[in-house]
């Protein structure tokens, strides 16, 4: 059975004085999360805000315990991110309905 873990999260990046500063910080974070957790990450909201970023991270697998563990580790990594602060997050594990 296929399961998909979806994490939406909002970060504050207080030092960013321009969109370029913000995008550099977000790109570095996205690359690190992809390498560390094999998740896909995209900025999904607050695209024109200088100091706030809302992103989504997605991972797929066949084991909900593994997905939950991966997402918990990802949240811990976000809490420890030195370039900003995790201000909000929502986690959902879904199982798409498959027609047979």
PDB file of N, CA and C in Angstrom:
ATOM      1  N   UNK A   1       0.850  -1.176   0.000  1.00  0.00           N
ATOM      2  CA  UNK A   1       0.000   0.000   0.000  1.00  0.00           C
ATOM      3  C   UNK A   1       0.899   1.243   0.000  1.00  0.00           C
ATOM      4  N   UNK A   2       0.529   2.214  -0.790  1.00  0.00           N
ATOM      5  CA  UNK A   2       1.278   3.466  -0.888  1.00  0.00           C
ATOM      6  C   UNK A   2       0.770   4.451   0.161  1.00  0.00           C
ATOM      7  N   UNK A   3       1.696   5.073   0.862  1.00  0.00           N
ATOM      8  CA  UNK A   3       1.380   6.152   1.801  1.00  0.00           C
ATOM      9  C   UNK A   3       2.231   7.363   1.421  1.00  0.00           C
ATOM     10  N   UNK A   4       1.674   8.536   1.626  1.00  0.00           N
ATOM     11  CA  UNK A   4       2.372   9.777   1.321  1.00  0.00           C
ATOM     12  C   UNK A   4       2.356  10.653   2.565  1.00  0.00           C
ATOM     13  N   UNK A   5       3.524  11.067   3.011  1.00  0.00           N
ATOM     14  CA  UNK A   5       3.644  12.003   4.122  1.00  0.00           C
ATOM     15  C   UNK A   5       3.763  13.411   3.575  1.00  0.00           C
ATOM     16  N   UNK A   6       2.900  14.295   4.067  1.00  0.00           N
ATOM     17  CA  UNK A   6       2.886  15.687   3.609  1.00  0.00           C
ATOM     18  C   UNK A   6       3.089  16.583   4.826  1.00  0.00           C
ATOM     19  N   UNK A   7       4.114  17.409   4.780  1.00  0.00           N
ATOM     20  CA  UNK A   7       4.399  18.363   5.843  1.00  0.00           C
ATOM     21  C   UNK A   7       4.374  19.759   5.253  1.00  0.00           C
ATOM     22  N   UNK A   8       3.466  20.585   5.765  1.00  0.00           N
ATOM     23  CA  UNK A   8       3.460  22.006   5.390  1.00  0.00           C
ATOM     24  C   UNK A   8       3.994  22.765   6.590  1.00  0.00           C
ATOM     25  N   UNK A   9       4.947  23.683   6.339  1.00  0.00           N
ATOM     26  CA  UNK A   9       5.550  24.404   7.457  1.00  0.00           C
ATOM     27  C   UNK A   9       5.885  25.836   7.067  1.00  0.00           C
ATOM     28  N   UNK A  10       5.879  26.688   8.093  1.00  0.00           N
ATOM     29  CA  UNK A  10       6.172  28.103   7.906  1.00  0.00           C
ATOM     30  C   UNK A  10       7.407  28.456   8.719  1.00  0.00           C
ATOM     31  N   UNK A  11       8.306  29.175   8.077  1.00  0.00           N
ATOM     32  CA  UNK A  11       9.554  29.603   8.706  1.00  0.00           C
ATOM     33  C   UNK A  11       9.638  31.123   8.717  1.00  0.00           C
ATOM     34  N   UNK A  12      10.212  31.657   9.770  1.00  0.00           N
ATOM     35  CA  UNK A  12      10.586  33.071   9.791  1.00  0.00           C
ATOM     36  C   UNK A  12      12.090  33.133   9.576  1.00  0.00           C
ATOM     37  N   UNK A  13      12.493  34.052   8.707  1.00  0.00           N
ATOM     38  CA  UNK A  13      13.912  34.242   8.392  1.00  0.00           C
ATOM     39  C   UNK A  13      14.232  35.706   8.692  1.00  0.00           C
ATOM     40  N   UNK A  14      14.509  36.033   9.954  1.00  0.00           N
ATOM     41  CA  UNK A  14      14.584  37.429  10.364  1.00  0.00           C
ATOM     42  C   UNK A  14      15.722  38.229   9.735  1.00  0.00           C
ATOM     43  N   UNK A  15      16.825  37.578   9.369  1.00  0.00           N
ATOM     44  CA  UNK A  15      17.962  38.334   8.825  1.00  0.00           C
ATOM     45  C   UNK A  15      17.781  38.686   7.348  1.00  0.00           C
ATOM     46  N   UNK A  16      16.820  38.069   6.663  1.00  0.00           N
ATOM     47  CA  UNK A  16      16.654  38.292   5.217  1.00  0.00           C
ATOM     48  C   UNK A  16      16.197  39.728   4.969  1.00  0.00           C
ATOM     49  N   UNK A  17      17.011  40.460   4.249  1.00  0.00           N
ATOM     50  CA  UNK A  17      16.680  41.846   3.934  1.00  0.00           C
ATOM     51  C   UNK A  17      16.131  41.998   2.519  1.00  0.00           C
ATOM     52  N   UNK A  18      16.197  40.917   1.749  1.00  0.00           N
ATOM     53  CA  UNK A  18      15.693  40.947   0.380  1.00  0.00           C
ATOM     54  C   UNK A  18      15.183  39.560   0.022  1.00  0.00           C
ATOM     55  N   UNK A  19      14.457  39.483  -1.079  1.00  0.00           N
ATOM     56  CA  UNK A  19      14.003  38.177  -1.543  1.00  0.00           C
ATOM     57  C   UNK A  19      15.188  37.292  -1.918  1.00  0.00           C
ATOM     58  N   UNK A  20      16.262  37.903  -2.391  1.00  0.00           N
ATOM     59  CA  UNK A  20      17.463  37.138  -2.730  1.00  0.00           C
ATOM     60  C   UNK A  20      18.040  36.462  -1.482  1.00  0.00           C
ATOM     61  N   UNK A  21      18.114  37.199  -0.360  1.00  0.00           N
ATOM     62  CA  UNK A  21      18.583  36.612   0.907  1.00  0.00           C
ATOM     63  C   UNK A  21      17.711  35.433   1.308  1.00  0.00           C
ATOM     64  N   UNK A  22      16.394  35.644   1.232  1.00  0.00           N
ATOM     65  CA  UNK A  22      15.445  34.597   1.614  1.00  0.00           C
ATOM     66  C   UNK A  22      15.613  33.379   0.716  1.00  0.00           C
ATOM     67  N   UNK A  23      15.654  33.588  -0.580  1.00  0.00           N
ATOM     68  CA  UNK A  23      15.737  32.466  -1.516  1.00  0.00           C
ATOM     69  C   UNK A  23      17.039  31.689  -1.371  1.00  0.00           C
ATOM     70  N   UNK A  24      18.128  32.381  -1.058  1.00  0.00           N
ATOM     71  CA  UNK A  24      19.397  31.686  -0.816  1.00  0.00           C
ATOM     72  C   UNK A  24      19.297  30.780   0.408  1.00  0.00           C
ATOM     73  N   UNK A  25      18.699  31.288   1.474  1.00  0.00           N
ATOM     74  CA  UNK A  25      18.539  30.498   2.695  1.00  0.00           C
ATOM     75  C   UNK A  25      17.615  29.306   2.446  1.00  0.00           C
ATOM     76  N   UNK A  26      16.518  29.535   1.744  1.00  0.00           N
ATOM     77  CA  UNK A  26      15.557  28.468   1.473  1.00  0.00           C
ATOM     78  C   UNK A  26      16.169  27.404   0.552  1.00  0.00           C
ATOM     79  N   UNK A  27      16.913  27.820  -0.444  1.00  0.00           N
ATOM     80  CA  UNK A  27      17.544  26.850  -1.355  1.00  0.00           C
ATOM     81  C   UNK A  27      18.515  25.955  -0.591  1.00  0.00           C
ATOM     82  N   UNK A  28      19.316  26.544   0.273  1.00  0.00           N
ATOM     83  CA  UNK A  28      20.261  25.743   1.061  1.00  0.00           C
ATOM     84  C   UNK A  28      19.512  24.754   1.957  1.00  0.00           C
ATOM     85  N   UNK A  29      18.425  25.206   2.563  1.00  0.00           N
ATOM     86  CA  UNK A  29      17.633  24.325   3.427  1.00  0.00           C
ATOM     87  C   UNK A  29      17.001  23.199   2.608  1.00  0.00           C
ATOM     88  N   UNK A  30      16.398  23.540   1.472  1.00  0.00           N
ATOM     89  CA  UNK A  30      15.760  22.531   0.631  1.00  0.00           C
ATOM     90  C   UNK A  30      16.772  21.467   0.195  1.00  0.00           C
ATOM     91  N   UNK A  31      17.942  21.891  -0.219  1.00  0.00           N
ATOM     92  CA  UNK A  31      18.982  20.953  -0.649  1.00  0.00           C
ATOM     93  C   UNK A  31      19.395  20.034   0.491  1.00  0.00           C
ATOM     94  N   UNK A  32      19.571  20.605   1.681  1.00  0.00           N
ATOM     95  CA  UNK A  32      19.980  19.805   2.840  1.00  0.00           C
ATOM     96  C   UNK A  32      18.901  18.789   3.226  1.00  0.00           C
ATOM     97  N   UNK A  33      17.629  19.226   3.245  1.00  0.00           N
ATOM     98  CA  UNK A  33      16.541  18.316   3.599  1.00  0.00           C
ATOM     99  C   UNK A  33      16.412  17.191   2.578  1.00  0.00           C
ATOM    100  N   UNK A  34      16.595  17.518   1.310  1.00  0.00           N
ATOM    101  CA  UNK A  34      16.522  16.484   0.271  1.00  0.00           C
ATOM    102  C   UNK A  34      17.637  15.450   0.453  1.00  0.00           C
ATOM    103  N   UNK A  35      18.848  15.939   0.701  1.00  0.00           N
ATOM    104  CA  UNK A  35      19.984  15.022   0.909  1.00  0.00           C
ATOM    105  C   UNK A  35      19.800  14.164   2.161  1.00  0.00           C
ATOM    106  N   UNK A  36      19.355  14.781   3.254  1.00  0.00           N
ATOM    107  CA  UNK A  36      19.266  14.090   4.541  1.00  0.00           C
ATOM    108  C   UNK A  36      18.073  13.142   4.648  1.00  0.00           C
ATOM    109  N   UNK A  37      16.929  13.534   4.076  1.00  0.00           N
ATOM    110  CA  UNK A  37      15.694  12.780   4.302  1.00  0.00           C
ATOM    111  C   UNK A  37      15.044  12.252   3.026  1.00  0.00           C
ATOM    112  N   UNK A  38      15.636  12.531   1.867  1.00  0.00           N
ATOM    113  CA  UNK A  38      15.092  12.103   0.582  1.00  0.00           C
ATOM    114  C   UNK A  38      13.632  12.557   0.419  1.00  0.00           C
ATOM    115  N   UNK A  39      13.368  13.800   0.758  1.00  0.00           N
ATOM    116  CA  UNK A  39      12.038  14.387   0.597  1.00  0.00           C
ATOM    117  C   UNK A  39      12.094  15.421  -0.517  1.00  0.00           C
ATOM    118  N   UNK A  40      10.943  15.644  -1.125  1.00  0.00           N
ATOM    119  CA  UNK A  40      10.811  16.724  -2.103  1.00  0.00           C
ATOM    120  C   UNK A  40      10.264  17.934  -1.367  1.00  0.00           C
ATOM    121  N   UNK A  41      10.875  19.097  -1.575  1.00  0.00           N
ATOM    122  CA  UNK A  41      10.489  20.316  -0.869  1.00  0.00           C
ATOM    123  C   UNK A  41      10.253  21.426  -1.874  1.00  0.00           C
ATOM    124  N   UNK A  42       9.173  22.179  -1.682  1.00  0.00           N
ATOM    125  CA  UNK A  42       8.862  23.308  -2.556  1.00  0.00           C
ATOM    126  C   UNK A  42       8.300  24.449  -1.725  1.00  0.00           C
ATOM    127  N   UNK A  43       8.635  25.672  -2.115  1.00  0.00           N
ATOM    128  CA  UNK A  43       8.035  26.850  -1.495  1.00  0.00           C
ATOM    129  C   UNK A  43       6.644  27.007  -2.108  1.00  0.00           C
ATOM    130  N   UNK A  44       5.609  27.092  -1.253  1.00  0.00           N
ATOM    131  CA  UNK A  44       4.235  27.047  -1.756  1.00  0.00           C
ATOM    132  C   UNK A  44       3.419  28.307  -1.465  1.00  0.00           C
ATOM    133  N   UNK A  45       3.837  29.113  -0.504  1.00  0.00           N
ATOM    134  CA  UNK A  45       3.131  30.350  -0.171  1.00  0.00           C
ATOM    135  C   UNK A  45       4.151  31.391   0.275  1.00  0.00           C
ATOM    136  N   UNK A  46       3.675  32.613   0.441  1.00  0.00           N
ATOM    137  CA  UNK A  46       4.513  33.727   0.928  1.00  0.00           C
ATOM    138  C   UNK A  46       5.703  33.965   0.002  1.00  0.00           C
ATOM    139  N   UNK A  47       5.492  33.786  -1.283  1.00  0.00           N
ATOM    140  CA  UNK A  47       6.595  33.892  -2.243  1.00  0.00           C
ATOM    141  C   UNK A  47       7.193  35.292  -2.302  1.00  0.00           C
ATOM    142  N   UNK A  48       6.391  36.322  -2.060  1.00  0.00           N
ATOM    143  CA  UNK A  48       6.886  37.696  -2.144  1.00  0.00           C
ATOM    144  C   UNK A  48       7.201  38.301  -0.782  1.00  0.00           C
ATOM    145  N   UNK A  49       7.030  37.542   0.288  1.00  0.00           N
ATOM    146  CA  UNK A  49       7.363  38.029   1.627  1.00  0.00           C
ATOM    147  C   UNK A  49       8.870  37.875   1.834  1.00  0.00           C
ATOM    148  N   UNK A  50       9.474  38.865   2.435  1.00  0.00           N
ATOM    149  CA  UNK A  50      10.933  38.846   2.598  1.00  0.00           C
ATOM    150  C   UNK A  50      11.397  37.950   3.742  1.00  0.00           C
ATOM    151  N   UNK A  51      10.661  37.930   4.854  1.00  0.00           N
ATOM    152  CA  UNK A  51      11.143  37.221   6.038  1.00  0.00           C
ATOM    153  C   UNK A  51      10.303  36.013   6.430  1.00  0.00           C
ATOM    154  N   UNK A  52       9.334  35.630   5.606  1.00  0.00           N
ATOM    155  CA  UNK A  52       8.482  34.477   5.905  1.00  0.00           C
ATOM    156  C   UNK A  52       8.458  33.567   4.685  1.00  0.00           C
ATOM    157  N   UNK A  53       8.530  32.243   4.941  1.00  0.00           N
ATOM    158  CA  UNK A  53       8.452  31.264   3.858  1.00  0.00           C
ATOM    159  C   UNK A  53       7.563  30.113   4.301  1.00  0.00           C
ATOM    160  N   UNK A  54       6.647  29.721   3.438  1.00  0.00           N
ATOM    161  CA  UNK A  54       5.824  28.543   3.687  1.00  0.00           C
ATOM    162  C   UNK A  54       6.190  27.507   2.638  1.00  0.00           C
ATOM    163  N   UNK A  55       6.556  26.331   3.120  1.00  0.00           N
ATOM    164  CA  UNK A  55       7.024  25.268   2.244  1.00  0.00           C
ATOM    165  C   UNK A  55       6.239  23.994   2.487  1.00  0.00           C
ATOM    166  N   UNK A  56       6.334  23.098   1.539  1.00  0.00           N
ATOM    167  CA  UNK A  56       5.756  21.776   1.680  1.00  0.00           C
ATOM    168  C   UNK A  56       6.832  20.739   1.417  1.00  0.00           C
ATOM    169  N   UNK A  57       6.808  19.673   2.214  1.00  0.00           N
ATOM    170  CA  UNK A  57       7.730  18.557   2.032  1.00  0.00           C
ATOM    171  C   UNK A  57       6.897  17.285   1.876  1.00  0.00           C
ATOM    172  N   UNK A  58       7.288  16.448   0.921  1.00  0.00           N
ATOM    173  CA  UNK A  58       6.532  15.236   0.624  1.00  0.00           C
ATOM    174  C   UNK A  58       7.486  14.058   0.530  1.00  0.00           C
ATOM    175  N   UNK A  59       7.066  12.941   1.125  1.00  0.00           N
ATOM    176  CA  UNK A  59       7.821  11.696   1.023  1.00  0.00           C
ATOM    177  C   UNK A  59       6.814  10.562   0.857  1.00  0.00           C
ATOM    178  N   UNK A  60       7.154   9.573   0.047  1.00  0.00           N
ATOM    179  CA  UNK A  60       6.274   8.436  -0.200  1.00  0.00           C
ATOM    180  C   UNK A  60       6.938   7.164   0.292  1.00  0.00           C
ATOM    181  N   UNK A  61       6.104   6.201   0.699  1.00  0.00           N
ATOM    182  CA  UNK A  61       6.623   4.919   1.142  1.00  0.00           C
ATOM    183  C   UNK A  61       5.507   3.943   1.425  1.00  0.00           C
ATOM    184  N   UNK A  62       5.892   2.746   1.823  1.00  0.00           N
ATOM    185  CA  UNK A  62       4.909   1.700   2.083  1.00  0.00           C
ATOM    186  C   UNK A  62       4.702   1.437   3.573  1.00  0.00           C
ATOM    187  N   UNK A  63       5.406   2.185   4.435  1.00  0.00           N
ATOM    188  CA  UNK A  63       5.364   1.941   5.879  1.00  0.00           C
ATOM    189  C   UNK A  63       5.072   3.250   6.608  1.00  0.00           C
ATOM    190  N   UNK A  64       3.915   3.332   7.259  1.00  0.00           N
ATOM    191  CA  UNK A  64       3.544   4.576   7.936  1.00  0.00           C
ATOM    192  C   UNK A  64       4.469   4.893   9.109  1.00  0.00           C
ATOM    193  N   UNK A  65       4.976   3.871   9.791  1.00  0.00           N
ATOM    194  CA  UNK A  65       5.901   4.125  10.901  1.00  0.00           C
ATOM    195  C   UNK A  65       7.171   4.807  10.391  1.00  0.00           C
ATOM    196  N   UNK A  66       7.680   4.345   9.261  1.00  0.00           N
ATOM    197  CA  UNK A  66       8.881   4.949   8.675  1.00  0.00           C
ATOM    198  C   UNK A  66       8.594   6.389   8.244  1.00  0.00           C
ATOM    199  N   UNK A  67       7.429   6.619   7.620  1.00  0.00           N
ATOM    200  CA  UNK A  67       7.072   7.981   7.205  1.00  0.00           C
ATOM    201  C   UNK A  67       6.956   8.905   8.409  1.00  0.00           C
ATOM    202  N   UNK A  68       6.295   8.443   9.465  1.00  0.00           N
ATOM    203  CA  UNK A  68       6.174   9.265  10.671  1.00  0.00           C
ATOM    204  C   UNK A  68       7.537   9.564  11.276  1.00  0.00           C
ATOM    205  N   UNK A  69       8.401   8.571  11.316  1.00  0.00           N
ATOM    206  CA  UNK A  69       9.747   8.775  11.856  1.00  0.00           C
ATOM    207  C   UNK A  69      10.525   9.785  11.020  1.00  0.00           C
ATOM    208  N   UNK A  70      10.459   9.644   9.699  1.00  0.00           N
ATOM    209  CA  UNK A  70      11.150  10.578   8.811  1.00  0.00           C
ATOM    210  C   UNK A  70      10.650  11.992   9.031  1.00  0.00           C
ATOM    211  N   UNK A  71       9.331  12.165   9.093  1.00  0.00           N
ATOM    212  CA  UNK A  71       8.763  13.503   9.270  1.00  0.00           C
ATOM    213  C   UNK A  71       9.099  14.069  10.653  1.00  0.00           C
ATOM    214  N   UNK A  72       9.125  13.225  11.685  1.00  0.00           N
ATOM    215  CA  UNK A  72       9.524  13.700  13.018  1.00  0.00           C
ATOM    216  C   UNK A  72      10.967  14.203  13.010  1.00  0.00           C
ATOM    217  N   UNK A  73      11.859  13.459  12.343  1.00  0.00           N
ATOM    218  CA  UNK A  73      13.252  13.892  12.249  1.00  0.00           C
ATOM    219  C   UNK A  73      13.365  15.192  11.442  1.00  0.00           C
ATOM    220  N   UNK A  74      12.557  15.303  10.404  1.00  0.00           N
ATOM    221  CA  UNK A  74      12.564  16.511   9.588  1.00  0.00           C
ATOM    222  C   UNK A  74      12.114  17.722  10.418  1.00  0.00           C
ATOM    223  N   UNK A  75      11.070  17.545  11.222  1.00  0.00           N
ATOM    224  CA  UNK A  75      10.586  18.635  12.094  1.00  0.00           C
ATOM    225  C   UNK A  75      11.668  19.016  13.102  1.00  0.00           C
ATOM    226  N   UNK A  76      12.353  18.024  13.662  1.00  0.00           N
ATOM    227  CA  UNK A  76      13.453  18.318  14.595  1.00  0.00           C
ATOM    228  C   UNK A  76      14.548  19.120  13.908  1.00  0.00           C
ATOM    229  N   UNK A  77      14.860  18.755  12.672  1.00  0.00           N
ATOM    230  CA  UNK A  77      15.874  19.491  11.902  1.00  0.00           C
ATOM    231  C   UNK A  77      15.438  20.940  11.677  1.00  0.00           C
ATOM    232  N   UNK A  78      14.157  21.134  11.367  1.00  0.00           N
ATOM    233  CA  UNK A  78      13.633  22.490  11.162  1.00  0.00           C
ATOM    234  C   UNK A  78      13.678  23.306  12.453  1.00  0.00           C
ATOM    235  N   UNK A  79      13.400  22.656  13.590  1.00  0.00           N
ATOM    236  CA  UNK A  79      13.474  23.350  14.880  1.00  0.00           C
ATOM    237  C   UNK A  79      14.888  23.794  15.212  1.00  0.00           C
ATOM    238  N   UNK A  80      15.872  23.085  14.689  1.00  0.00           N
ATOM    239  CA  UNK A  80      17.271  23.407  14.967  1.00  0.00           C
ATOM    240  C   UNK A  80      17.922  24.257  13.874  1.00  0.00           C
ATOM    241  N   UNK A  81      17.169  24.626  12.846  1.00  0.00           N
ATOM    242  CA  UNK A  81      17.716  25.407  11.733  1.00  0.00           C
ATOM    243  C   UNK A  81      18.241  26.738  12.230  1.00  0.00           C
ATOM    244  N   UNK A  82      19.487  27.036  11.950  1.00  0.00           N
ATOM    245  CA  UNK A  82      20.135  28.230  12.512  1.00  0.00           C
ATOM    246  C   UNK A  82      19.774  29.517  11.775  1.00  0.00           C
ATOM    247  N   UNK A  83      19.283  29.417  10.542  1.00  0.00           N
ATOM    248  CA  UNK A  83      18.993  30.618   9.762  1.00  0.00           C
ATOM    249  C   UNK A  83      17.578  31.150   9.949  1.00  0.00           C
ATOM    250  N   UNK A  84      16.754  30.442  10.708  1.00  0.00           N
ATOM    251  CA  UNK A  84      15.381  30.904  10.904  1.00  0.00           C
ATOM    252  C   UNK A  84      14.685  30.110  11.984  1.00  0.00           C
ATOM    253  N   UNK A  85      13.387  30.379  12.126  1.00  0.00           N
ATOM    254  CA  UNK A  85      12.587  29.769  13.176  1.00  0.00           C
ATOM    255  C   UNK A  85      11.359  29.104  12.577  1.00  0.00           C
ATOM    256  N   UNK A  86      11.109  27.864  12.991  1.00  0.00           N
ATOM    257  CA  UNK A  86       9.887  27.171  12.597  1.00  0.00           C
ATOM    258  C   UNK A  86       8.744  27.749  13.428  1.00  0.00           C
ATOM    259  N   UNK A  87       7.751  28.338  12.766  1.00  0.00           N
ATOM    260  CA  UNK A  87       6.653  28.970  13.503  1.00  0.00           C
ATOM    261  C   UNK A  87       5.354  28.175  13.435  1.00  0.00           C
ATOM    262  N   UNK A  88       5.224  27.282  12.455  1.00  0.00           N
ATOM    263  CA  UNK A  88       3.988  26.511  12.333  1.00  0.00           C
ATOM    264  C   UNK A  88       4.252  25.316  11.430  1.00  0.00           C
ATOM    265  N   UNK A  89       3.531  24.220  11.693  1.00  0.00           N
ATOM    266  CA  UNK A  89       3.603  23.075  10.789  1.00  0.00           C
ATOM    267  C   UNK A  89       2.357  22.199  10.929  1.00  0.00           C
ATOM    268  N   UNK A  90       2.019  21.536   9.837  1.00  0.00           N
ATOM    269  CA  UNK A  90       0.937  20.558   9.818  1.00  0.00           C
ATOM    270  C   UNK A  90       1.457  19.325   9.098  1.00  0.00           C
ATOM    271  N   UNK A  91       1.199  18.165   9.690  1.00  0.00           N
ATOM    272  CA  UNK A  91       1.653  16.897   9.133  1.00  0.00           C
ATOM    273  C   UNK A  91       0.445  16.022   8.842  1.00  0.00           C
ATOM    274  N   UNK A  92       0.465  15.391   7.673  1.00  0.00           N
ATOM    275  CA  UNK A  92      -0.605  14.468   7.316  1.00  0.00           C
ATOM    276  C   UNK A  92       0.004  13.284   6.579  1.00  0.00           C
ATOM    277  N   UNK A  93      -0.438  12.087   6.947  1.00  0.00           N
ATOM    278  CA  UNK A  93      -0.076  10.875   6.226  1.00  0.00           C
ATOM    279  C   UNK A  93      -1.339  10.432   5.498  1.00  0.00           C
ATOM    280  N   UNK A  94      -1.256  10.313   4.178  1.00  0.00           N
ATOM    281  CA  UNK A  94      -2.436   9.953   3.405  1.00  0.00           C
ATOM    282  C   UNK A  94      -2.184   8.676   2.610  1.00  0.00           C
ATOM    283  N   UNK A  95      -3.263   8.004   2.297  1.00  0.00           N
ATOM    284  CA  UNK A  95      -3.217   6.823   1.455  1.00  0.00           C
ATOM    285  C   UNK A  95      -4.154   7.060   0.291  1.00  0.00           C
ATOM    286  N   UNK A  96      -3.604   7.306  -0.882  1.00  0.00           N
ATOM    287  CA  UNK A  96      -4.468   7.551  -2.047  1.00  0.00           C
ATOM    288  C   UNK A  96      -5.330   6.324  -2.350  1.00  0.00           C
ATOM    289  N   UNK A  97      -6.572   6.580  -2.733  1.00  0.00           N
ATOM    290  CA  UNK A  97      -7.473   5.493  -3.131  1.00  0.00           C
ATOM    291  C   UNK A  97      -7.089   5.056  -4.532  1.00  0.00           C
ATOM    292  N   UNK A  98      -6.942   3.782  -4.703  1.00  0.00           N
ATOM    293  CA  UNK A  98      -6.583   3.266  -6.017  1.00  0.00           C
ATOM    294  C   UNK A  98      -7.758   2.488  -6.580  1.00  0.00           C
ATOM    295  N   UNK A  99      -8.090   2.799  -7.832  1.00  0.00           N
ATOM    296  CA  UNK A  99      -9.131   2.062  -8.529  1.00  0.00           C
ATOM    297  C   UNK A  99      -8.535   0.786  -9.091  1.00  0.00           C
ATOM    298  N   UNK A 100      -9.271  -0.265  -9.008  1.00  0.00           N
ATOM    299  CA  UNK A 100      -8.782  -1.548  -9.556  1.00  0.00           C
ATOM    300  C   UNK A 100      -9.685  -1.995 -10.651  1.00  0.00           C
TER     301      UNK A 100
END
